[in-house]
């Protein structure tokens, strides 16, 4: 089950779609997690997310990009971070994100800085 902390992050992004798109009308938003797609689809539906959550259950992307991870309850998980990729180029990496509910506001600020 997604933790309440992750719930705050996902819903914060959901609730900030308008300001994000105002700054970058062609913006594409994706979540990324290590859960399977069935579980992710349920989370997207339950939280009414207007963006997909991509599955990296085998850590292919995570390992290729050397994204930060941690271990909890015997599971390898990704740490919270935001990648701003514009025209196929990574323009900004925001890490660590704490507290998690600030992810959306931080993304807005990063987009303003890049404008």
PDB file of N, CA and C in Angstrom:
ATOM      1  N   UNK A   1       0.837  -1.180   0.000  1.00  0.00           N
ATOM      2  CA  UNK A   1       0.000   0.000   0.000  1.00  0.00           C
ATOM      3  C   UNK A   1       0.883   1.244   0.000  1.00  0.00           C
ATOM      4  N   UNK A   2       0.470   2.250  -0.752  1.00  0.00           N
ATOM      5  CA  UNK A   2       1.198   3.506  -0.773  1.00  0.00           C
ATOM      6  C   UNK A   2       1.079   4.156   0.592  1.00  0.00           C
ATOM      7  N   UNK A   3       2.159   4.711   1.055  1.00  0.00           N
ATOM      8  CA  UNK A   3       2.154   5.368   2.359  1.00  0.00           C
ATOM      9  C   UNK A   3       1.433   6.703   2.272  1.00  0.00           C
ATOM     10  N   UNK A   4       1.042   7.226   3.423  1.00  0.00           N
ATOM     11  CA  UNK A   4       0.386   8.534   3.439  1.00  0.00           C
ATOM     12  C   UNK A   4       1.332   9.613   2.944  1.00  0.00           C
ATOM     13  N   UNK A   5       2.641   9.426   3.138  1.00  0.00           N
ATOM     14  CA  UNK A   5       3.615  10.399   2.646  1.00  0.00           C
ATOM     15  C   UNK A   5       3.599  10.423   1.124  1.00  0.00           C
ATOM     16  N   UNK A   6       3.603   9.253   0.501  1.00  0.00           N
ATOM     17  CA  UNK A   6       3.550   9.203  -0.951  1.00  0.00           C
ATOM     18  C   UNK A   6       2.209   9.714  -1.449  1.00  0.00           C
ATOM     19  N   UNK A   7       1.141   9.410  -0.733  1.00  0.00           N
ATOM     20  CA  UNK A   7      -0.187   9.915  -1.063  1.00  0.00           C
ATOM     21  C   UNK A   7      -0.150  11.437  -1.126  1.00  0.00           C
ATOM     22  N   UNK A   8       0.501  12.084  -0.152  1.00  0.00           N
ATOM     23  CA  UNK A   8       0.618  13.549  -0.139  1.00  0.00           C
ATOM     24  C   UNK A   8       1.353  14.047  -1.378  1.00  0.00           C
ATOM     25  N   UNK A   9       2.418  13.356  -1.748  1.00  0.00           N
ATOM     26  CA  UNK A   9       3.202  13.776  -2.913  1.00  0.00           C
ATOM     27  C   UNK A   9       2.388  13.638  -4.198  1.00  0.00           C
ATOM     28  N   UNK A  10       1.764  12.479  -4.402  1.00  0.00           N
ATOM     29  CA  UNK A  10       0.983  12.242  -5.613  1.00  0.00           C
ATOM     30  C   UNK A  10      -0.184  13.213  -5.728  1.00  0.00           C
ATOM     31  N   UNK A  11      -0.892  13.426  -4.637  1.00  0.00           N
ATOM     32  CA  UNK A  11      -2.041  14.334  -4.655  1.00  0.00           C
ATOM     33  C   UNK A  11      -1.598  15.790  -4.772  1.00  0.00           C
ATOM     34  N   UNK A  12      -0.441  16.120  -4.210  1.00  0.00           N
ATOM     35  CA  UNK A  12       0.084  17.475  -4.352  1.00  0.00           C
ATOM     36  C   UNK A  12       0.368  17.807  -5.803  1.00  0.00           C
ATOM     37  N   UNK A  13       0.962  16.867  -6.512  1.00  0.00           N
ATOM     38  CA  UNK A  13       1.201  17.066  -7.947  1.00  0.00           C
ATOM     39  C   UNK A  13      -0.141  17.159  -8.670  1.00  0.00           C
ATOM     40  N   UNK A  14      -1.057  16.263  -8.353  1.00  0.00           N
ATOM     41  CA  UNK A  14      -2.389  16.291  -8.974  1.00  0.00           C
ATOM     42  C   UNK A  14      -3.046  17.653  -8.787  1.00  0.00           C
ATOM     43  N   UNK A  15      -2.969  18.183  -7.583  1.00  0.00           N
ATOM     44  CA  UNK A  15      -3.638  19.440  -7.270  1.00  0.00           C
ATOM     45  C   UNK A  15      -2.908  20.659  -7.823  1.00  0.00           C
ATOM     46  N   UNK A  16      -1.705  20.466  -8.333  1.00  0.00           N
ATOM     47  CA  UNK A  16      -0.917  21.579  -8.882  1.00  0.00           C
ATOM     48  C   UNK A  16      -0.781  21.514 -10.397  1.00  0.00           C
ATOM     49  N   UNK A  17      -1.596  20.711 -11.037  1.00  0.00           N
ATOM     50  CA  UNK A  17      -1.499  20.565 -12.490  1.00  0.00           C
ATOM     51  C   UNK A  17      -1.656  21.911 -13.192  1.00  0.00           C
ATOM     52  N   UNK A  18      -2.637  22.722 -12.802  1.00  0.00           N
ATOM     53  CA  UNK A  18      -2.871  23.995 -13.500  1.00  0.00           C
ATOM     54  C   UNK A  18      -1.668  24.924 -13.427  1.00  0.00           C
ATOM     55  N   UNK A  19      -1.082  25.179 -12.243  1.00  0.00           N
ATOM     56  CA  UNK A  19       0.097  26.056 -12.226  1.00  0.00           C
ATOM     57  C   UNK A  19       1.282  25.471 -12.991  1.00  0.00           C
ATOM     58  N   UNK A  20       1.437  24.164 -12.953  1.00  0.00           N
ATOM     59  CA  UNK A  20       2.530  23.536 -13.695  1.00  0.00           C
ATOM     60  C   UNK A  20       2.337  23.718 -15.198  1.00  0.00           C
ATOM     61  N   UNK A  21       1.116  23.469 -15.677  1.00  0.00           N
ATOM     62  CA  UNK A  21       0.837  23.609 -17.108  1.00  0.00           C
ATOM     63  C   UNK A  21       0.844  25.066 -17.553  1.00  0.00           C
ATOM     64  N   UNK A  22       0.524  25.986 -16.649  1.00  0.00           N
ATOM     65  CA  UNK A  22       0.597  27.411 -16.997  1.00  0.00           C
ATOM     66  C   UNK A  22       2.042  27.802 -17.315  1.00  0.00           C
ATOM     67  N   UNK A  23       2.978  27.198 -16.619  1.00  0.00           N
ATOM     68  CA  UNK A  23       4.398  27.488 -16.846  1.00  0.00           C
ATOM     69  C   UNK A  23       4.971  26.709 -18.028  1.00  0.00           C
ATOM     70  N   UNK A  24       4.434  25.538 -18.280  1.00  0.00           N
ATOM     71  CA  UNK A  24       4.951  24.671 -19.349  1.00  0.00           C
ATOM     72  C   UNK A  24       3.781  23.931 -19.985  1.00  0.00           C
ATOM     73  N   UNK A  25       3.090  24.568 -20.955  1.00  0.00           N
ATOM     74  CA  UNK A  25       1.878  23.975 -21.536  1.00  0.00           C
ATOM     75  C   UNK A  25       2.073  22.592 -22.150  1.00  0.00           C
ATOM     76  N   UNK A  26       3.267  22.271 -22.592  1.00  0.00           N
ATOM     77  CA  UNK A  26       3.532  20.958 -23.194  1.00  0.00           C
ATOM     78  C   UNK A  26       4.106  19.965 -22.196  1.00  0.00           C
ATOM     79  N   UNK A  27       3.950  20.263 -20.929  1.00  0.00           N
ATOM     80  CA  UNK A  27       4.495  19.429 -19.864  1.00  0.00           C
ATOM     81  C   UNK A  27       3.807  18.064 -19.827  1.00  0.00           C
ATOM     82  N   UNK A  28       4.605  17.028 -19.671  1.00  0.00           N
ATOM     83  CA  UNK A  28       4.093  15.672 -19.470  1.00  0.00           C
ATOM     84  C   UNK A  28       4.542  15.231 -18.087  1.00  0.00           C
ATOM     85  N   UNK A  29       3.607  14.777 -17.290  1.00  0.00           N
ATOM     86  CA  UNK A  29       3.903  14.370 -15.920  1.00  0.00           C
ATOM     87  C   UNK A  29       3.724  12.861 -15.811  1.00  0.00           C
ATOM     88  N   UNK A  30       4.700  12.217 -15.184  1.00  0.00           N
ATOM     89  CA  UNK A  30       4.648  10.787 -14.928  1.00  0.00           C
ATOM     90  C   UNK A  30       5.125  10.542 -13.508  1.00  0.00           C
ATOM     91  N   UNK A  31       4.491   9.603 -12.846  1.00  0.00           N
ATOM     92  CA  UNK A  31       5.033   9.083 -11.605  1.00  0.00           C
ATOM     93  C   UNK A  31       5.871   7.861 -11.957  1.00  0.00           C
ATOM     94  N   UNK A  32       6.758   7.479 -11.084  1.00  0.00           N
ATOM     95  CA  UNK A  32       7.574   6.286 -11.299  1.00  0.00           C
ATOM     96  C   UNK A  32       7.667   5.543  -9.984  1.00  0.00           C
ATOM     97  N   UNK A  33       7.375   4.258 -10.018  1.00  0.00           N
ATOM     98  CA  UNK A  33       7.482   3.453  -8.803  1.00  0.00           C
ATOM     99  C   UNK A  33       7.929   2.045  -9.163  1.00  0.00           C
ATOM    100  N   UNK A  34       8.190   1.275  -8.140  1.00  0.00           N
ATOM    101  CA  UNK A  34       8.649  -0.096  -8.363  1.00  0.00           C
ATOM    102  C   UNK A  34       7.533  -1.119  -8.165  1.00  0.00           C
ATOM    103  N   UNK A  35       6.302  -0.669  -8.002  1.00  0.00           N
ATOM    104  CA  UNK A  35       5.171  -1.589  -7.902  1.00  0.00           C
ATOM    105  C   UNK A  35       4.740  -2.006  -9.307  1.00  0.00           C
ATOM    106  N   UNK A  36       3.966  -3.097  -9.385  1.00  0.00           N
ATOM    107  CA  UNK A  36       3.507  -3.567 -10.685  1.00  0.00           C
ATOM    108  C   UNK A  36       2.388  -2.678 -11.222  1.00  0.00           C
ATOM    109  N   UNK A  37       2.111  -2.823 -12.515  1.00  0.00           N
ATOM    110  CA  UNK A  37       1.156  -1.940 -13.182  1.00  0.00           C
ATOM    111  C   UNK A  37      -0.270  -2.106 -12.672  1.00  0.00           C
ATOM    112  N   UNK A  38      -0.655  -3.291 -12.245  1.00  0.00           N
ATOM    113  CA  UNK A  38      -1.999  -3.489 -11.696  1.00  0.00           C
ATOM    114  C   UNK A  38      -2.188  -2.634 -10.454  1.00  0.00           C
ATOM    115  N   UNK A  39      -1.216  -2.669  -9.578  1.00  0.00           N
ATOM    116  CA  UNK A  39      -1.279  -1.871  -8.354  1.00  0.00           C
ATOM    117  C   UNK A  39      -1.279  -0.380  -8.682  1.00  0.00           C
ATOM    118  N   UNK A  40      -0.441   0.011  -9.610  1.00  0.00           N
ATOM    119  CA  UNK A  40      -0.363   1.425  -9.975  1.00  0.00           C
ATOM    120  C   UNK A  40      -1.672   1.923 -10.571  1.00  0.00           C
ATOM    121  N   UNK A  41      -2.301   1.119 -11.409  1.00  0.00           N
ATOM    122  CA  UNK A  41      -3.580   1.512 -12.005  1.00  0.00           C
ATOM    123  C   UNK A  41      -4.624   1.749 -10.922  1.00  0.00           C
ATOM    124  N   UNK A  42      -4.610   0.915  -9.886  1.00  0.00           N
ATOM    125  CA  UNK A  42      -5.553   1.093  -8.775  1.00  0.00           C
ATOM    126  C   UNK A  42      -5.281   2.405  -8.052  1.00  0.00           C
ATOM    127  N   UNK A  43      -4.023   2.745  -7.846  1.00  0.00           N
ATOM    128  CA  UNK A  43      -3.667   3.993  -7.160  1.00  0.00           C
ATOM    129  C   UNK A  43      -4.085   5.195  -8.001  1.00  0.00           C
ATOM    130  N   UNK A  44      -3.824   5.146  -9.299  1.00  0.00           N
ATOM    131  CA  UNK A  44      -4.214   6.240 -10.195  1.00  0.00           C
ATOM    132  C   UNK A  44      -5.721   6.452 -10.128  1.00  0.00           C
ATOM    133  N   UNK A  45      -6.474   5.362 -10.152  1.00  0.00           N
ATOM    134  CA  UNK A  45      -7.936   5.463 -10.093  1.00  0.00           C
ATOM    135  C   UNK A  45      -8.404   5.967  -8.727  1.00  0.00           C
ATOM    136  N   UNK A  46      -7.872   5.394  -7.667  1.00  0.00           N
ATOM    137  CA  UNK A  46      -8.313   5.760  -6.315  1.00  0.00           C
ATOM    138  C   UNK A  46      -8.017   7.218  -5.985  1.00  0.00           C
ATOM    139  N   UNK A  47      -6.860   7.705  -6.423  1.00  0.00           N
ATOM    140  CA  UNK A  47      -6.465   9.081  -6.111  1.00  0.00           C
ATOM    141  C   UNK A  47      -6.871  10.074  -7.198  1.00  0.00           C
ATOM    142  N   UNK A  48      -7.525   9.581  -8.253  1.00  0.00           N
ATOM    143  CA  UNK A  48      -7.967  10.437  -9.364  1.00  0.00           C
ATOM    144  C   UNK A  48      -6.795  11.226  -9.945  1.00  0.00           C
ATOM    145  N   UNK A  49      -5.712  10.518 -10.223  1.00  0.00           N
ATOM    146  CA  UNK A  49      -4.525  11.176 -10.759  1.00  0.00           C
ATOM    147  C   UNK A  49      -4.693  11.407 -12.258  1.00  0.00           C
ATOM    148  N   UNK A  50      -4.399  12.616 -12.744  1.00  0.00           N
ATOM    149  CA  UNK A  50      -4.510  12.900 -14.175  1.00  0.00           C
ATOM    150  C   UNK A  50      -3.224  12.566 -14.933  1.00  0.00           C
ATOM    151  N   UNK A  51      -2.388  11.761 -14.339  1.00  0.00           N
ATOM    152  CA  UNK A  51      -1.134  11.356 -14.969  1.00  0.00           C
ATOM    153  C   UNK A  51      -0.860   9.900 -14.600  1.00  0.00           C
ATOM    154  N   UNK A  52      -0.131   9.182 -15.465  1.00  0.00           N
ATOM    155  CA  UNK A  52       0.147   7.768 -15.184  1.00  0.00           C
ATOM    156  C   UNK A  52       1.303   7.596 -14.207  1.00  0.00           C
ATOM    157  N   UNK A  53       1.338   6.436 -13.587  1.00  0.00           N
ATOM    158  CA  UNK A  53       2.490   6.021 -12.791  1.00  0.00           C
ATOM    159  C   UNK A  53       3.149   4.885 -13.570  1.00  0.00           C
ATOM    160  N   UNK A  54       4.394   5.083 -13.930  1.00  0.00           N
ATOM    161  CA  UNK A  54       5.136   4.088 -14.696  1.00  0.00           C
ATOM    162  C   UNK A  54       5.743   3.054 -13.757  1.00  0.00           C
ATOM    163  N   UNK A  55       5.825   1.827 -14.229  1.00  0.00           N
ATOM    164  CA  UNK A  55       6.366   0.739 -13.418  1.00  0.00           C
ATOM    165  C   UNK A  55       7.823   0.467 -13.771  1.00  0.00           C
ATOM    166  N   UNK A  56       8.658   0.464 -12.758  1.00  0.00           N
ATOM    167  CA  UNK A  56      10.066   0.082 -12.908  1.00  0.00           C
ATOM    168  C   UNK A  56      10.348  -1.046 -11.921  1.00  0.00           C
ATOM    169  N   UNK A  57       9.516  -2.072 -12.000  1.00  0.00           N
ATOM    170  CA  UNK A  57       9.554  -3.169 -11.037  1.00  0.00           C
ATOM    171  C   UNK A  57      10.912  -3.880 -11.024  1.00  0.00           C
ATOM    172  N   UNK A  58      11.622  -3.871 -12.142  1.00  0.00           N
ATOM    173  CA  UNK A  58      12.934  -4.515 -12.211  1.00  0.00           C
ATOM    174  C   UNK A  58      14.085  -3.523 -12.032  1.00  0.00           C
ATOM    175  N   UNK A  59      13.763  -2.267 -11.732  1.00  0.00           N
ATOM    176  CA  UNK A  59      14.759  -1.209 -11.502  1.00  0.00           C
ATOM    177  C   UNK A  59      15.625  -0.927 -12.730  1.00  0.00           C
ATOM    178  N   UNK A  60      15.115  -1.179 -13.924  1.00  0.00           N
ATOM    179  CA  UNK A  60      15.896  -0.944 -15.141  1.00  0.00           C
ATOM    180  C   UNK A  60      16.227   0.539 -15.303  1.00  0.00           C
ATOM    181  N   UNK A  61      15.217   1.398 -15.229  1.00  0.00           N
ATOM    182  CA  UNK A  61      15.451   2.843 -15.354  1.00  0.00           C
ATOM    183  C   UNK A  61      16.202   3.373 -14.143  1.00  0.00           C
ATOM    184  N   UNK A  62      15.782   2.948 -12.990  1.00  0.00           N
ATOM    185  CA  UNK A  62      16.414   3.390 -11.742  1.00  0.00           C
ATOM    186  C   UNK A  62      17.911   3.089 -11.751  1.00  0.00           C
ATOM    187  N   UNK A  63      18.269   1.885 -12.130  1.00  0.00           N
ATOM    188  CA  UNK A  63      19.680   1.503 -12.154  1.00  0.00           C
ATOM    189  C   UNK A  63      20.437   2.221 -13.272  1.00  0.00           C
ATOM    190  N   UNK A  64      19.808   2.341 -14.453  1.00  0.00           N
ATOM    191  CA  UNK A  64      20.475   2.992 -15.586  1.00  0.00           C
ATOM    192  C   UNK A  64      20.789   4.458 -15.284  1.00  0.00           C
ATOM    193  N   UNK A  65      19.873   5.137 -14.596  1.00  0.00           N
ATOM    194  CA  UNK A  65      20.073   6.553 -14.265  1.00  0.00           C
ATOM    195  C   UNK A  65      20.724   6.757 -12.902  1.00  0.00           C
ATOM    196  N   UNK A  66      20.994   5.651 -12.222  1.00  0.00           N
ATOM    197  CA  UNK A  66      21.580   5.701 -10.874  1.00  0.00           C
ATOM    198  C   UNK A  66      20.735   6.573  -9.937  1.00  0.00           C
ATOM    199  N   UNK A  67      19.413   6.351 -10.001  1.00  0.00           N
ATOM    200  CA  UNK A  67      18.492   7.080  -9.134  1.00  0.00           C
ATOM    201  C   UNK A  67      18.656   6.590  -7.700  1.00  0.00           C
ATOM    202  N   UNK A  68      18.448   7.470  -6.732  1.00  0.00           N
ATOM    203  CA  UNK A  68      18.661   7.092  -5.329  1.00  0.00           C
ATOM    204  C   UNK A  68      17.625   6.086  -4.835  1.00  0.00           C
ATOM    205  N   UNK A  69      18.100   5.112  -4.069  1.00  0.00           N
ATOM    206  CA  UNK A  69      17.224   4.079  -3.511  1.00  0.00           C
ATOM    207  C   UNK A  69      17.510   3.913  -2.022  1.00  0.00           C
ATOM    208  N   UNK A  70      16.636   3.155  -1.367  1.00  0.00           N
ATOM    209  CA  UNK A  70      16.834   2.801   0.037  1.00  0.00           C
ATOM    210  C   UNK A  70      16.158   1.468   0.286  1.00  0.00           C
ATOM    211  N   UNK A  71      16.448   0.864   1.414  1.00  0.00           N
ATOM    212  CA  UNK A  71      15.829  -0.408   1.803  1.00  0.00           C
ATOM    213  C   UNK A  71      14.901  -0.171   2.983  1.00  0.00           C
ATOM    214  N   UNK A  72      13.711  -0.762   2.915  1.00  0.00           N
ATOM    215  CA  UNK A  72      12.752  -0.693   4.022  1.00  0.00           C
ATOM    216  C   UNK A  72      11.944  -1.978   4.024  1.00  0.00           C
ATOM    217  N   UNK A  73      11.816  -2.576   5.180  1.00  0.00           N
ATOM    218  CA  UNK A  73      11.052  -3.817   5.341  1.00  0.00           C
ATOM    219  C   UNK A  73      11.486  -4.869   4.324  1.00  0.00           C
ATOM    220  N   UNK A  74      12.785  -4.927   4.058  1.00  0.00           N
ATOM    221  CA  UNK A  74      13.312  -5.915   3.135  1.00  0.00           C
ATOM    222  C   UNK A  74      13.067  -5.620   1.669  1.00  0.00           C
ATOM    223  N   UNK A  75      12.578  -4.420   1.357  1.00  0.00           N
ATOM    224  CA  UNK A  75      12.299  -4.060  -0.032  1.00  0.00           C
ATOM    225  C   UNK A  75      13.208  -2.914  -0.461  1.00  0.00           C
ATOM    226  N   UNK A  76      13.651  -2.966  -1.707  1.00  0.00           N
ATOM    227  CA  UNK A  76      14.401  -1.861  -2.299  1.00  0.00           C
ATOM    228  C   UNK A  76      13.383  -0.895  -2.900  1.00  0.00           C
ATOM    229  N   UNK A  77      13.480   0.371  -2.542  1.00  0.00           N
ATOM    230  CA  UNK A  77      12.540   1.391  -3.003  1.00  0.00           C
ATOM    231  C   UNK A  77      13.308   2.602  -3.521  1.00  0.00           C
ATOM    232  N   UNK A  78      12.648   3.403  -4.348  1.00  0.00           N
ATOM    233  CA  UNK A  78      13.254   4.643  -4.833  1.00  0.00           C
ATOM    234  C   UNK A  78      13.000   5.769  -3.849  1.00  0.00           C
ATOM    235  N   UNK A  79      14.003   6.608  -3.679  1.00  0.00           N
ATOM    236  CA  UNK A  79      13.809   7.819  -2.885  1.00  0.00           C
ATOM    237  C   UNK A  79      13.080   8.846  -3.743  1.00  0.00           C
ATOM    238  N   UNK A  80      12.400   9.779  -3.081  1.00  0.00           N
ATOM    239  CA  UNK A  80      11.636  10.793  -3.797  1.00  0.00           C
ATOM    240  C   UNK A  80      12.570  11.794  -4.464  1.00  0.00           C
ATOM    241  N   UNK A  81      12.283  12.047  -5.726  1.00  0.00           N
ATOM    242  CA  UNK A  81      13.046  13.023  -6.489  1.00  0.00           C
ATOM    243  C   UNK A  81      12.198  13.459  -7.678  1.00  0.00           C
ATOM    244  N   UNK A  82      12.558  14.582  -8.264  1.00  0.00           N
ATOM    245  CA  UNK A  82      11.877  15.089  -9.449  1.00  0.00           C
ATOM    246  C   UNK A  82      12.919  15.320 -10.529  1.00  0.00           C
ATOM    247  N   UNK A  83      12.650  14.805 -11.712  1.00  0.00           N
ATOM    248  CA  UNK A  83      13.480  15.081 -12.880  1.00  0.00           C
ATOM    249  C   UNK A  83      12.683  15.992 -13.802  1.00  0.00           C
ATOM    250  N   UNK A  84      13.243  17.132 -14.173  1.00  0.00           N
ATOM    251  CA  UNK A  84      12.623  17.984 -15.182  1.00  0.00           C
ATOM    252  C   UNK A  84      13.378  17.743 -16.478  1.00  0.00           C
ATOM    253  N   UNK A  85      12.679  17.159 -17.435  1.00  0.00           N
ATOM    254  CA  UNK A  85      13.275  16.806 -18.719  1.00  0.00           C
ATOM    255  C   UNK A  85      12.573  17.634 -19.786  1.00  0.00           C
ATOM    256  N   UNK A  86      13.335  18.457 -20.482  1.00  0.00           N
ATOM    257  CA  UNK A  86      12.766  19.341 -21.498  1.00  0.00           C
ATOM    258  C   UNK A  86      13.407  19.001 -22.834  1.00  0.00           C
ATOM    259  N   UNK A  87      12.555  18.691 -23.818  1.00  0.00           N
ATOM    260  CA  UNK A  87      13.025  18.310 -25.152  1.00  0.00           C
ATOM    261  C   UNK A  87      14.067  17.193 -25.086  1.00  0.00           C
ATOM    262  N   UNK A  88      13.840  16.233 -24.212  1.00  0.00           N
ATOM    263  CA  UNK A  88      14.712  15.077 -24.107  1.00  0.00           C
ATOM    264  C   UNK A  88      15.997  15.297 -23.333  1.00  0.00           C
ATOM    265  N   UNK A  89      16.140  16.471 -22.717  1.00  0.00           N
ATOM    266  CA  UNK A  89      17.354  16.795 -21.965  1.00  0.00           C
ATOM    267  C   UNK A  89      16.997  16.997 -20.496  1.00  0.00           C
ATOM    268  N   UNK A  90      17.718  16.322 -19.604  1.00  0.00           N
ATOM    269  CA  UNK A  90      17.498  16.519 -18.171  1.00  0.00           C
ATOM    270  C   UNK A  90      18.010  17.912 -17.814  1.00  0.00           C
ATOM    271  N   UNK A  91      17.087  18.788 -17.423  1.00  0.00           N
ATOM    272  CA  UNK A  91      17.432  20.171 -17.092  1.00  0.00           C
ATOM    273  C   UNK A  91      17.614  20.384 -15.601  1.00  0.00           C
ATOM    274  N   UNK A  92      16.966  19.545 -14.802  1.00  0.00           N
ATOM    275  CA  UNK A  92      17.049  19.725 -13.358  1.00  0.00           C
ATOM    276  C   UNK A  92      16.728  18.415 -12.650  1.00  0.00           C
ATOM    277  N   UNK A  93      17.437  18.182 -11.555  1.00  0.00           N
ATOM    278  CA  UNK A  93      17.152  17.054 -10.671  1.00  0.00           C
ATOM    279  C   UNK A  93      16.939  17.636  -9.284  1.00  0.00           C
ATOM    280  N   UNK A  94      15.767  17.419  -8.735  1.00  0.00           N
ATOM    281  CA  UNK A  94      15.452  17.910  -7.395  1.00  0.00           C
ATOM    282  C   UNK A  94      15.477  16.725  -6.438  1.00  0.00           C
ATOM    283  N   UNK A  95      16.479  16.720  -5.570  1.00  0.00           N
ATOM    284  CA  UNK A  95      16.645  15.632  -4.611  1.00  0.00           C
ATOM    285  C   UNK A  95      17.483  16.152  -3.459  1.00  0.00           C
ATOM    286  N   UNK A  96      17.197  15.821  -2.246  1.00  0.00           N
ATOM    287  CA  UNK A  96      16.040  15.046  -1.786  1.00  0.00           C
ATOM    288  C   UNK A  96      14.802  15.935  -1.678  1.00  0.00           C
ATOM    289  N   UNK A  97      13.653  15.325  -1.770  1.00  0.00           N
ATOM    290  CA  UNK A  97      12.396  16.046  -1.595  1.00  0.00           C
ATOM    291  C   UNK A  97      11.875  15.727  -0.206  1.00  0.00           C
ATOM    292  N   UNK A  98      11.922  16.730   0.643  1.00  0.00           N
ATOM    293  CA  UNK A  98      11.425  16.578   2.012  1.00  0.00           C
ATOM    294  C   UNK A  98      10.995  17.937   2.523  1.00  0.00           C
ATOM    295  N   UNK A  99       9.843  18.021   3.103  1.00  0.00           N
ATOM    296  CA  UNK A  99       8.810  16.987   3.198  1.00  0.00           C
ATOM    297  C   UNK A  99       8.158  16.727   1.844  1.00  0.00           C
ATOM    298  N   UNK A 100       7.568  15.562   1.714  1.00  0.00           N
ATOM    299  CA  UNK A 100       7.068  15.104   0.415  1.00  0.00           C
ATOM    300  C   UNK A 100       5.978  15.988  -0.163  1.00  0.00           C
ATOM    301  N   UNK A 101       5.185  16.631   0.687  1.00  0.00           N
ATOM    302  CA  UNK A 101       4.091  17.453   0.162  1.00  0.00           C
ATOM    303  C   UNK A 101       4.601  18.714  -0.543  1.00  0.00           C
ATOM    304  N   UNK A 102       5.902  18.999  -0.485  1.00  0.00           N
ATOM    305  CA  UNK A 102       6.456  20.180  -1.153  1.00  0.00           C
ATOM    306  C   UNK A 102       6.882  19.903  -2.592  1.00  0.00           C
ATOM    307  N   UNK A 103       6.752  18.674  -3.060  1.00  0.00           N
ATOM    308  CA  UNK A 103       7.229  18.308  -4.398  1.00  0.00           C
ATOM    309  C   UNK A 103       6.632  19.187  -5.492  1.00  0.00           C
ATOM    310  N   UNK A 104       5.334  19.423  -5.453  1.00  0.00           N
ATOM    311  CA  UNK A 104       4.683  20.208  -6.502  1.00  0.00           C
ATOM    312  C   UNK A 104       5.147  21.659  -6.480  1.00  0.00           C
ATOM    313  N   UNK A 105       5.183  22.274  -5.301  1.00  0.00           N
ATOM    314  CA  UNK A 105       5.622  23.669  -5.203  1.00  0.00           C
ATOM    315  C   UNK A 105       7.069  23.804  -5.669  1.00  0.00           C
ATOM    316  N   UNK A 106       7.881  22.828  -5.338  1.00  0.00           N
ATOM    317  CA  UNK A 106       9.282  22.858  -5.768  1.00  0.00           C
ATOM    318  C   UNK A 106       9.381  22.718  -7.282  1.00  0.00           C
ATOM    319  N   UNK A 107       8.535  21.880  -7.887  1.00  0.00           N
ATOM    320  CA  UNK A 107       8.530  21.731  -9.346  1.00  0.00           C
ATOM    321  C   UNK A 107       8.116  23.035 -10.018  1.00  0.00           C
ATOM    322  N   UNK A 108       7.126  23.721  -9.446  1.00  0.00           N
ATOM    323  CA  UNK A 108       6.708  25.025  -9.978  1.00  0.00           C
ATOM    324  C   UNK A 108       7.887  25.994  -9.941  1.00  0.00           C
ATOM    325  N   UNK A 109       8.588  26.044  -8.820  1.00  0.00           N
ATOM    326  CA  UNK A 109       9.737  26.954  -8.692  1.00  0.00           C
ATOM    327  C   UNK A 109      10.847  26.592  -9.678  1.00  0.00           C
ATOM    328  N   UNK A 110      11.105  25.313  -9.857  1.00  0.00           N
ATOM    329  CA  UNK A 110      12.126  24.893 -10.822  1.00  0.00           C
ATOM    330  C   UNK A 110      11.749  25.300 -12.238  1.00  0.00           C
ATOM    331  N   UNK A 111      10.473  25.148 -12.594  1.00  0.00           N
ATOM    332  CA  UNK A 111      10.024  25.562 -13.926  1.00  0.00           C
ATOM    333  C   UNK A 111      10.168  27.067 -14.101  1.00  0.00           C
ATOM    334  N   UNK A 112       9.874  27.838 -13.063  1.00  0.00           N
ATOM    335  CA  UNK A 112      10.043  29.295 -13.137  1.00  0.00           C
ATOM    336  C   UNK A 112      11.506  29.647 -13.369  1.00  0.00           C
ATOM    337  N   UNK A 113      12.403  28.964 -12.675  1.00  0.00           N
ATOM    338  CA  UNK A 113      13.836  29.225 -12.829  1.00  0.00           C
ATOM    339  C   UNK A 113      14.320  28.902 -14.238  1.00  0.00           C
ATOM    340  N   UNK A 114      13.740  27.894 -14.854  1.00  0.00           N
ATOM    341  CA  UNK A 114      14.164  27.485 -16.189  1.00  0.00           C
ATOM    342  C   UNK A 114      13.530  28.316 -17.292  1.00  0.00           C
ATOM    343  N   UNK A 115      12.501  29.083 -16.953  1.00  0.00           N
ATOM    344  CA  UNK A 115      11.778  29.882 -17.967  1.00  0.00           C
ATOM    345  C   UNK A 115      12.616  31.046 -18.458  1.00  0.00           C
TER     346      UNK A 115
END
